[in-house]
Amino acid sequence: VILVMFAQTFYTIYMETDYCKVTDKPWNVWCQFGTALLKVYTMLMGEVDETVFGGYVPALVIFMAFIFLVVILLSNVLIAIVTDSYGVIKNERSQVVFWNNRLDFVAEMHLISSGPWIKTMLSFLCCETHDGRIRVPTNMQDDMEAEENFGRGAWKG
């Protein structure tokens, strides 16, 4: 609607002048409605050439109004799209996103706490015996046993 309105405005402004009636001038895009609509659409996409207005002041004023209005209109459309997407994620998918992130966190923590690097670290620090077995100090042994048995009572029926 906005494009048709501005195309009609440019077409009307230039039809009132002698710019379209003079035959020895180069062809002007504003002298036909179809080409005016195409030019307004290309201006919407960002291709702007100030020389196409021929220094005609009312056309330059309408052009500045077009640029201002289009920027506001497209900014509002962008804000509406982002707000709607945020609302969908917040309302409908919030539990799915929460539990997915929670599962990722638990998996990472499990990998960190019980990964194969524990044996390497313990053997490097102090706890490897001469026969290759890992000797865990008493306080660490209690912690590891508690971790291995954590939550198993709930699974037994």
N, C-alpha and C. Protein backbone atom coordinates (compact mmCIF):
# COMPACT_ATOMS: atom_id res chain seq x y z
N VAL A 1 0.83 -1.19 0.00
CA VAL A 1 0.00 0.00 0.00
C VAL A 1 0.88 1.25 0.00
N ILE A 2 1.92 1.22 0.83
CA ILE A 2 2.81 2.38 0.92
C ILE A 2 3.54 2.58 -0.41
N LEU A 3 3.95 1.49 -1.03
CA LEU A 3 4.67 1.61 -2.31
C LEU A 3 3.78 2.21 -3.38
N VAL A 4 2.55 1.74 -3.47
CA VAL A 4 1.61 2.27 -4.47
C VAL A 4 1.32 3.73 -4.19
N MET A 5 1.18 4.09 -2.92
CA MET A 5 0.91 5.48 -2.56
C MET A 5 2.05 6.40 -3.00
N PHE A 6 3.28 6.03 -2.72
CA PHE A 6 4.40 6.87 -3.09
C PHE A 6 4.64 6.86 -4.60
N ALA A 7 4.42 5.73 -5.26
CA ALA A 7 4.56 5.69 -6.71
C ALA A 7 3.54 6.63 -7.36
N GLN A 8 2.31 6.60 -6.87
CA GLN A 8 1.27 7.51 -7.40
C GLN A 8 1.63 8.96 -7.11
N THR A 9 2.20 9.24 -5.94
CA THR A 9 2.59 10.60 -5.59
C THR A 9 3.67 11.12 -6.52
N PHE A 10 4.71 10.34 -6.74
CA PHE A 10 5.78 10.75 -7.66
C PHE A 10 5.25 10.91 -9.08
N TYR A 11 4.41 9.99 -9.50
CA TYR A 11 3.83 10.06 -10.85
C TYR A 11 3.00 11.34 -11.01
N THR A 12 2.19 11.67 -10.00
CA THR A 12 1.36 12.87 -10.07
C THR A 12 2.19 14.13 -10.03
N ILE A 13 3.20 14.18 -9.19
CA ILE A 13 4.06 15.36 -9.08
C ILE A 13 4.74 15.65 -10.42
N TYR A 14 5.27 14.62 -11.07
CA TYR A 14 5.99 14.84 -12.31
C TYR A 14 5.04 15.06 -13.50
N MET A 15 3.81 14.55 -13.44
CA MET A 15 2.88 14.79 -14.54
C MET A 15 2.41 16.24 -14.57
N GLU A 16 2.48 16.95 -13.44
CA GLU A 16 2.09 18.36 -13.40
C GLU A 16 3.17 19.27 -13.97
N THR A 17 4.36 18.78 -14.14
CA THR A 17 5.45 19.60 -14.65
C THR A 17 5.64 19.37 -16.15
N ASP A 18 6.49 20.18 -16.73
CA ASP A 18 6.81 20.02 -18.15
C ASP A 18 7.90 18.98 -18.35
N TYR A 19 8.37 18.38 -17.28
CA TYR A 19 9.48 17.43 -17.37
C TYR A 19 9.11 16.21 -18.21
N CYS A 20 7.90 15.72 -18.09
CA CYS A 20 7.47 14.54 -18.86
C CYS A 20 6.96 14.93 -20.25
N LYS A 21 6.60 16.20 -20.45
CA LYS A 21 6.02 16.61 -21.73
C LYS A 21 7.08 16.98 -22.76
N VAL A 22 8.28 17.29 -22.33
CA VAL A 22 9.34 17.68 -23.26
C VAL A 22 9.91 16.41 -23.89
N THR A 23 9.94 16.36 -25.21
CA THR A 23 10.37 15.15 -25.90
C THR A 23 11.88 15.07 -26.06
N ASP A 24 12.61 16.19 -26.02
CA ASP A 24 14.06 16.12 -26.22
C ASP A 24 14.81 15.76 -24.94
N LYS A 25 14.12 15.73 -23.79
CA LYS A 25 14.76 15.31 -22.52
C LYS A 25 14.89 13.79 -22.50
N PRO A 26 15.87 13.27 -21.76
CA PRO A 26 15.95 11.81 -21.62
C PRO A 26 14.72 11.26 -20.91
N TRP A 27 14.45 10.01 -21.15
CA TRP A 27 13.26 9.36 -20.61
C TRP A 27 13.31 9.37 -19.09
N ASN A 28 12.22 9.72 -18.44
CA ASN A 28 12.15 9.84 -16.99
C ASN A 28 11.31 8.68 -16.44
N VAL A 29 11.77 8.06 -15.36
CA VAL A 29 11.07 6.90 -14.80
C VAL A 29 9.76 7.30 -14.14
N TRP A 30 9.58 8.56 -13.83
CA TRP A 30 8.37 8.99 -13.12
C TRP A 30 7.23 9.34 -14.06
N CYS A 31 7.42 9.25 -15.36
CA CYS A 31 6.38 9.66 -16.31
C CYS A 31 5.34 8.58 -16.57
N GLN A 32 5.57 7.36 -16.18
CA GLN A 32 4.60 6.28 -16.31
C GLN A 32 4.43 5.63 -14.93
N PHE A 33 3.20 5.22 -14.63
CA PHE A 33 2.93 4.67 -13.29
C PHE A 33 3.68 3.36 -13.05
N GLY A 34 3.75 2.49 -14.05
CA GLY A 34 4.44 1.20 -13.89
C GLY A 34 5.91 1.37 -13.56
N THR A 35 6.58 2.25 -14.28
CA THR A 35 8.00 2.48 -14.01
C THR A 35 8.20 3.21 -12.68
N ALA A 36 7.24 4.08 -12.32
CA ALA A 36 7.32 4.76 -11.02
C ALA A 36 7.20 3.75 -9.88
N LEU A 37 6.27 2.79 -10.04
CA LEU A 37 6.12 1.75 -9.02
C LEU A 37 7.38 0.90 -8.92
N LEU A 38 7.97 0.55 -10.04
CA LEU A 38 9.21 -0.23 -10.04
C LEU A 38 10.35 0.55 -9.39
N LYS A 39 10.44 1.84 -9.67
CA LYS A 39 11.50 2.67 -9.08
C LYS A 39 11.32 2.81 -7.57
N VAL A 40 10.08 2.96 -7.11
CA VAL A 40 9.82 3.06 -5.66
C VAL A 40 10.20 1.74 -4.99
N TYR A 41 9.90 0.63 -5.65
CA TYR A 41 10.28 -0.68 -5.08
C TYR A 41 11.80 -0.82 -5.00
N THR A 42 12.53 -0.39 -6.03
CA THR A 42 13.99 -0.47 -5.98
C THR A 42 14.55 0.49 -4.93
N MET A 43 13.88 1.63 -4.71
CA MET A 43 14.32 2.53 -3.64
C MET A 43 14.10 1.87 -2.28
N LEU A 44 13.02 1.10 -2.15
CA LEU A 44 12.78 0.37 -0.91
C LEU A 44 13.90 -0.62 -0.63
N MET A 45 14.43 -1.24 -1.67
CA MET A 45 15.52 -2.22 -1.52
C MET A 45 16.88 -1.56 -1.29
N GLY A 46 16.96 -0.24 -1.44
CA GLY A 46 18.20 0.45 -1.10
C GLY A 46 18.92 1.08 -2.27
N GLU A 47 18.44 0.89 -3.47
CA GLU A 47 19.09 1.50 -4.64
C GLU A 47 18.51 2.90 -4.83
N VAL A 48 19.26 3.90 -4.41
CA VAL A 48 18.76 5.27 -4.45
C VAL A 48 19.73 6.10 -5.29
N ASP A 49 19.17 6.84 -6.24
CA ASP A 49 19.95 7.75 -7.08
C ASP A 49 19.26 9.10 -7.05
N GLU A 50 19.90 10.11 -6.45
CA GLU A 50 19.28 11.42 -6.29
C GLU A 50 19.12 12.14 -7.62
N THR A 51 19.90 11.79 -8.61
CA THR A 51 19.81 12.49 -9.89
C THR A 51 18.53 12.16 -10.64
N VAL A 52 17.83 11.10 -10.26
CA VAL A 52 16.60 10.71 -10.94
C VAL A 52 15.48 11.72 -10.67
N PHE A 53 15.63 12.54 -9.63
CA PHE A 53 14.61 13.54 -9.31
C PHE A 53 14.81 14.83 -10.09
N GLY A 54 15.95 15.00 -10.73
CA GLY A 54 16.19 16.17 -11.57
C GLY A 54 16.22 17.49 -10.82
N GLY A 55 16.52 17.46 -9.53
CA GLY A 55 16.58 18.70 -8.74
C GLY A 55 15.22 19.31 -8.45
N TYR A 56 14.16 18.56 -8.64
CA TYR A 56 12.80 19.05 -8.39
C TYR A 56 12.54 18.95 -6.89
N VAL A 57 12.35 20.09 -6.22
CA VAL A 57 12.29 20.15 -4.76
C VAL A 57 11.10 19.39 -4.18
N PRO A 58 9.88 19.51 -4.71
CA PRO A 58 8.78 18.72 -4.12
C PRO A 58 9.04 17.21 -4.17
N ALA A 59 9.69 16.74 -5.23
CA ALA A 59 10.00 15.31 -5.33
C ALA A 59 11.04 14.92 -4.28
N LEU A 60 12.00 15.80 -4.03
CA LEU A 60 13.00 15.50 -3.00
C LEU A 60 12.37 15.46 -1.61
N VAL A 61 11.39 16.32 -1.35
CA VAL A 61 10.69 16.31 -0.06
C VAL A 61 9.90 15.02 0.10
N ILE A 62 9.19 14.61 -0.96
CA ILE A 62 8.44 13.35 -0.91
C ILE A 62 9.40 12.18 -0.75
N PHE A 63 10.56 12.24 -1.40
CA PHE A 63 11.56 11.18 -1.27
C PHE A 63 12.04 11.07 0.18
N MET A 64 12.31 12.19 0.83
CA MET A 64 12.75 12.15 2.23
C MET A 64 11.64 11.60 3.12
N ALA A 65 10.38 11.95 2.84
CA ALA A 65 9.27 11.39 3.61
C ALA A 65 9.17 9.88 3.39
N PHE A 66 9.40 9.44 2.15
CA PHE A 66 9.38 8.01 1.84
C PHE A 66 10.45 7.26 2.62
N ILE A 67 11.66 7.78 2.61
CA ILE A 67 12.77 7.11 3.32
C ILE A 67 12.47 7.06 4.82
N PHE A 68 12.00 8.16 5.38
CA PHE A 68 11.70 8.21 6.81
C PHE A 68 10.59 7.22 7.17
N LEU A 69 9.51 7.21 6.39
CA LEU A 69 8.39 6.33 6.67
C LEU A 69 8.76 4.86 6.50
N VAL A 70 9.52 4.55 5.48
CA VAL A 70 9.91 3.16 5.24
C VAL A 70 10.83 2.65 6.35
N VAL A 71 11.74 3.49 6.82
CA VAL A 71 12.62 3.08 7.91
C VAL A 71 11.80 2.79 9.17
N ILE A 72 10.86 3.64 9.49
CA ILE A 72 10.02 3.41 10.67
C ILE A 72 9.16 2.17 10.48
N LEU A 73 8.58 2.01 9.31
CA LEU A 73 7.71 0.87 9.05
C LEU A 73 8.48 -0.45 9.13
N LEU A 74 9.63 -0.51 8.48
CA LEU A 74 10.42 -1.75 8.49
C LEU A 74 11.00 -2.03 9.87
N SER A 75 11.34 -1.00 10.62
CA SER A 75 11.83 -1.22 11.99
C SER A 75 10.73 -1.80 12.86
N ASN A 76 9.51 -1.31 12.71
CA ASN A 76 8.39 -1.86 13.48
C ASN A 76 8.09 -3.30 13.09
N VAL A 77 8.20 -3.62 11.82
CA VAL A 77 7.99 -5.00 11.38
C VAL A 77 9.05 -5.91 11.99
N LEU A 78 10.30 -5.47 11.98
CA LEU A 78 11.38 -6.26 12.58
C LEU A 78 11.15 -6.47 14.07
N ILE A 79 10.76 -5.43 14.78
CA ILE A 79 10.50 -5.55 16.21
C ILE A 79 9.34 -6.51 16.46
N ALA A 80 8.30 -6.45 15.64
CA ALA A 80 7.16 -7.34 15.81
C ALA A 80 7.56 -8.80 15.59
N ILE A 81 8.38 -9.06 14.60
CA ILE A 81 8.81 -10.44 14.33
C ILE A 81 9.65 -10.98 15.48
N VAL A 82 10.59 -10.18 15.96
CA VAL A 82 11.45 -10.63 17.06
C VAL A 82 10.63 -10.83 18.34
N THR A 83 9.71 -9.93 18.62
CA THR A 83 8.88 -10.06 19.82
C THR A 83 8.00 -11.29 19.75
N ASP A 84 7.45 -11.56 18.58
CA ASP A 84 6.61 -12.75 18.42
C ASP A 84 7.43 -14.02 18.60
N SER A 85 8.61 -14.07 18.03
CA SER A 85 9.47 -15.24 18.19
C SER A 85 9.86 -15.45 19.65
N TYR A 86 10.17 -14.37 20.34
CA TYR A 86 10.51 -14.46 21.75
C TYR A 86 9.32 -14.97 22.56
N GLY A 87 8.11 -14.49 22.23
CA GLY A 87 6.92 -14.94 22.94
C GLY A 87 6.65 -16.42 22.74
N VAL A 88 6.87 -16.91 21.53
CA VAL A 88 6.67 -18.34 21.25
C VAL A 88 7.64 -19.17 22.07
N ILE A 89 8.89 -18.76 22.07
CA ILE A 89 9.89 -19.52 22.84
C ILE A 89 9.59 -19.44 24.33
N LYS A 90 9.21 -18.26 24.79
CA LYS A 90 8.97 -18.08 26.22
C LYS A 90 7.76 -18.88 26.70
N ASN A 91 6.67 -18.84 25.96
CA ASN A 91 5.43 -19.45 26.42
C ASN A 91 5.31 -20.93 26.08
N GLU A 92 5.59 -21.29 24.86
CA GLU A 92 5.30 -22.64 24.42
C GLU A 92 6.47 -23.60 24.60
N ARG A 93 7.65 -23.11 24.43
CA ARG A 93 8.79 -24.01 24.44
C ARG A 93 9.68 -23.82 25.65
N SER A 94 9.23 -23.09 26.63
CA SER A 94 10.11 -22.79 27.76
C SER A 94 10.52 -24.04 28.52
N GLN A 95 9.59 -24.97 28.74
CA GLN A 95 9.95 -26.19 29.47
C GLN A 95 10.88 -27.07 28.65
N VAL A 96 10.63 -27.16 27.36
CA VAL A 96 11.50 -27.98 26.50
C VAL A 96 12.92 -27.40 26.49
N VAL A 97 13.01 -26.09 26.35
CA VAL A 97 14.33 -25.45 26.34
C VAL A 97 15.01 -25.63 27.69
N PHE A 98 14.26 -25.46 28.78
CA PHE A 98 14.84 -25.61 30.11
C PHE A 98 15.39 -27.01 30.31
N TRP A 99 14.58 -28.05 30.02
CA TRP A 99 15.03 -29.42 30.27
C TRP A 99 16.13 -29.84 29.30
N ASN A 100 16.13 -29.31 28.12
CA ASN A 100 17.23 -29.59 27.18
C ASN A 100 18.54 -29.02 27.71
N ASN A 101 18.50 -27.77 28.17
CA ASN A 101 19.70 -27.16 28.75
C ASN A 101 20.12 -27.87 30.03
N ARG A 102 19.16 -28.29 30.82
CA ARG A 102 19.46 -29.01 32.07
C ARG A 102 20.15 -30.34 31.77
N LEU A 103 19.65 -31.07 30.77
CA LEU A 103 20.25 -32.34 30.39
C LEU A 103 21.67 -32.14 29.88
N ASP A 104 21.89 -31.11 29.08
CA ASP A 104 23.25 -30.82 28.62
C ASP A 104 24.17 -30.53 29.79
N PHE A 105 23.69 -29.76 30.76
CA PHE A 105 24.52 -29.42 31.92
C PHE A 105 24.86 -30.67 32.73
N VAL A 106 23.86 -31.52 32.99
CA VAL A 106 24.10 -32.74 33.78
C VAL A 106 25.07 -33.67 33.05
N ALA A 107 24.92 -33.79 31.74
CA ALA A 107 25.83 -34.65 30.97
C ALA A 107 27.26 -34.13 31.03
N GLU A 108 27.43 -32.81 30.93
CA GLU A 108 28.77 -32.24 31.01
C GLU A 108 29.37 -32.43 32.41
N MET A 109 28.58 -32.23 33.44
CA MET A 109 29.08 -32.40 34.80
C MET A 109 29.43 -33.86 35.08
N HIS A 110 28.64 -34.79 34.56
CA HIS A 110 28.95 -36.21 34.73
C HIS A 110 30.25 -36.56 34.02
N LEU A 111 30.44 -36.03 32.83
CA LEU A 111 31.68 -36.30 32.11
C LEU A 111 32.88 -35.72 32.85
N ILE A 112 32.71 -34.55 33.41
CA ILE A 112 33.81 -33.93 34.15
C ILE A 112 34.11 -34.70 35.43
N SER A 113 33.07 -35.12 36.14
CA SER A 113 33.29 -35.74 37.45
C SER A 113 33.72 -37.21 37.36
N SER A 114 33.36 -37.91 36.33
CA SER A 114 33.71 -39.33 36.29
C SER A 114 34.40 -39.73 35.00
N GLY A 115 35.10 -38.82 34.41
CA GLY A 115 35.78 -39.12 33.16
C GLY A 115 37.04 -39.93 33.37
N PRO A 116 37.64 -40.41 32.29
CA PRO A 116 38.86 -41.22 32.37
C PRO A 116 40.07 -40.42 32.86
N TRP A 117 39.96 -39.15 32.91
CA TRP A 117 41.09 -38.32 33.34
C TRP A 117 41.33 -38.43 34.84
N ILE A 118 40.36 -38.94 35.62
CA ILE A 118 40.54 -39.03 37.07
C ILE A 118 41.68 -39.99 37.40
N LYS A 119 41.71 -41.17 36.74
CA LYS A 119 42.80 -42.12 37.00
C LYS A 119 44.14 -41.50 36.64
N THR A 120 44.20 -40.79 35.54
CA THR A 120 45.46 -40.16 35.13
C THR A 120 45.90 -39.13 36.15
N MET A 121 44.96 -38.31 36.62
CA MET A 121 45.32 -37.28 37.60
C MET A 121 45.77 -37.90 38.92
N LEU A 122 45.04 -38.93 39.38
CA LEU A 122 45.42 -39.56 40.64
C LEU A 122 46.78 -40.23 40.54
N SER A 123 47.04 -40.87 39.40
CA SER A 123 48.35 -41.51 39.25
C SER A 123 49.45 -40.46 39.14
N PHE A 124 49.15 -39.36 38.57
CA PHE A 124 50.14 -38.30 38.43
C PHE A 124 50.42 -37.61 39.76
N LEU A 125 49.38 -37.40 40.56
CA LEU A 125 49.55 -36.64 41.80
C LEU A 125 50.28 -37.43 42.88
N CYS A 126 49.82 -38.64 43.20
CA CYS A 126 50.48 -39.31 44.31
C CYS A 126 49.99 -40.72 44.56
N CYS A 127 49.00 -41.15 43.90
CA CYS A 127 48.28 -42.28 44.41
C CYS A 127 48.56 -43.59 43.69
N GLU A 128 49.47 -43.65 42.75
CA GLU A 128 49.73 -44.91 42.06
C GLU A 128 50.77 -45.72 42.83
N THR A 129 50.50 -47.01 43.00
CA THR A 129 51.43 -47.90 43.70
C THR A 129 52.39 -48.52 42.69
N HIS A 130 53.36 -49.29 43.18
CA HIS A 130 54.37 -49.88 42.31
C HIS A 130 53.79 -50.96 41.38
N ASP A 131 52.65 -51.57 41.73
CA ASP A 131 52.06 -52.59 40.86
C ASP A 131 51.03 -52.01 39.89
N GLY A 132 50.90 -50.66 39.79
CA GLY A 132 50.03 -50.04 38.81
C GLY A 132 48.62 -49.76 39.31
N ARG A 133 48.30 -50.17 40.52
CA ARG A 133 46.97 -49.92 41.05
C ARG A 133 46.91 -48.51 41.65
N ILE A 134 45.73 -47.97 41.65
CA ILE A 134 45.53 -46.63 42.21
C ILE A 134 45.17 -46.77 43.69
N ARG A 135 45.95 -46.12 44.54
CA ARG A 135 45.66 -46.10 45.95
C ARG A 135 45.09 -44.73 46.26
N VAL A 136 43.84 -44.74 46.70
CA VAL A 136 43.14 -43.50 46.98
C VAL A 136 43.23 -43.22 48.48
N PRO A 137 43.58 -42.00 48.87
CA PRO A 137 43.60 -41.67 50.29
C PRO A 137 42.20 -41.84 50.90
N THR A 138 42.14 -42.00 52.20
CA THR A 138 40.91 -42.35 52.91
C THR A 138 39.79 -41.35 52.66
N ASN A 139 40.05 -40.07 52.79
CA ASN A 139 38.97 -39.11 52.62
C ASN A 139 38.45 -39.08 51.18
N MET A 140 39.32 -39.31 50.20
CA MET A 140 38.87 -39.36 48.80
C MET A 140 38.12 -40.65 48.53
N GLN A 141 38.52 -41.75 49.18
CA GLN A 141 37.84 -43.03 49.00
C GLN A 141 36.39 -42.93 49.47
N ASP A 142 36.18 -42.29 50.62
CA ASP A 142 34.82 -42.12 51.12
C ASP A 142 33.98 -41.28 50.17
N ASP A 143 34.58 -40.22 49.61
CA ASP A 143 33.85 -39.37 48.67
C ASP A 143 33.47 -40.15 47.41
N MET A 144 34.38 -40.98 46.90
CA MET A 144 34.11 -41.73 45.67
C MET A 144 33.05 -42.79 45.90
N GLU A 145 33.07 -43.45 47.06
CA GLU A 145 32.05 -44.46 47.36
C GLU A 145 30.69 -43.80 47.52
N ALA A 146 30.65 -42.65 48.14
CA ALA A 146 29.38 -41.95 48.30
C ALA A 146 28.82 -41.53 46.94
N GLU A 147 29.72 -41.13 46.04
CA GLU A 147 29.28 -40.72 44.71
C GLU A 147 28.76 -41.92 43.91
N GLU A 148 29.40 -43.06 44.02
CA GLU A 148 28.98 -44.24 43.29
C GLU A 148 27.62 -44.74 43.78
N ASN A 149 27.32 -44.60 45.05
CA ASN A 149 26.07 -45.10 45.61
C ASN A 149 24.97 -44.04 45.65
N PHE A 150 25.27 -42.84 45.22
CA PHE A 150 24.30 -41.75 45.31
C PHE A 150 23.07 -42.04 44.45
N GLY A 151 21.91 -42.05 45.06
CA GLY A 151 20.65 -42.23 44.34
C GLY A 151 20.29 -43.66 44.00
N ARG A 152 21.09 -44.63 44.34
CA ARG A 152 20.76 -46.01 43.99
C ARG A 152 19.62 -46.57 44.81
N GLY A 153 19.41 -46.05 46.00
CA GLY A 153 18.31 -46.53 46.83
C GLY A 153 16.95 -46.22 46.21
N ALA A 154 16.87 -45.14 45.48
CA ALA A 154 15.60 -44.77 44.86
C ALA A 154 15.26 -45.70 43.69
N TRP A 155 16.28 -46.32 43.07
CA TRP A 155 16.04 -47.19 41.91
C TRP A 155 15.68 -48.62 42.31
N LYS A 156 15.99 -48.96 43.54
CA LYS A 156 15.67 -50.32 43.98
C LYS A 156 14.21 -50.38 44.38
N GLY A 157 13.53 -51.39 43.87
CA GLY A 157 12.09 -51.46 44.11
C GLY A 157 11.79 -52.43 45.11
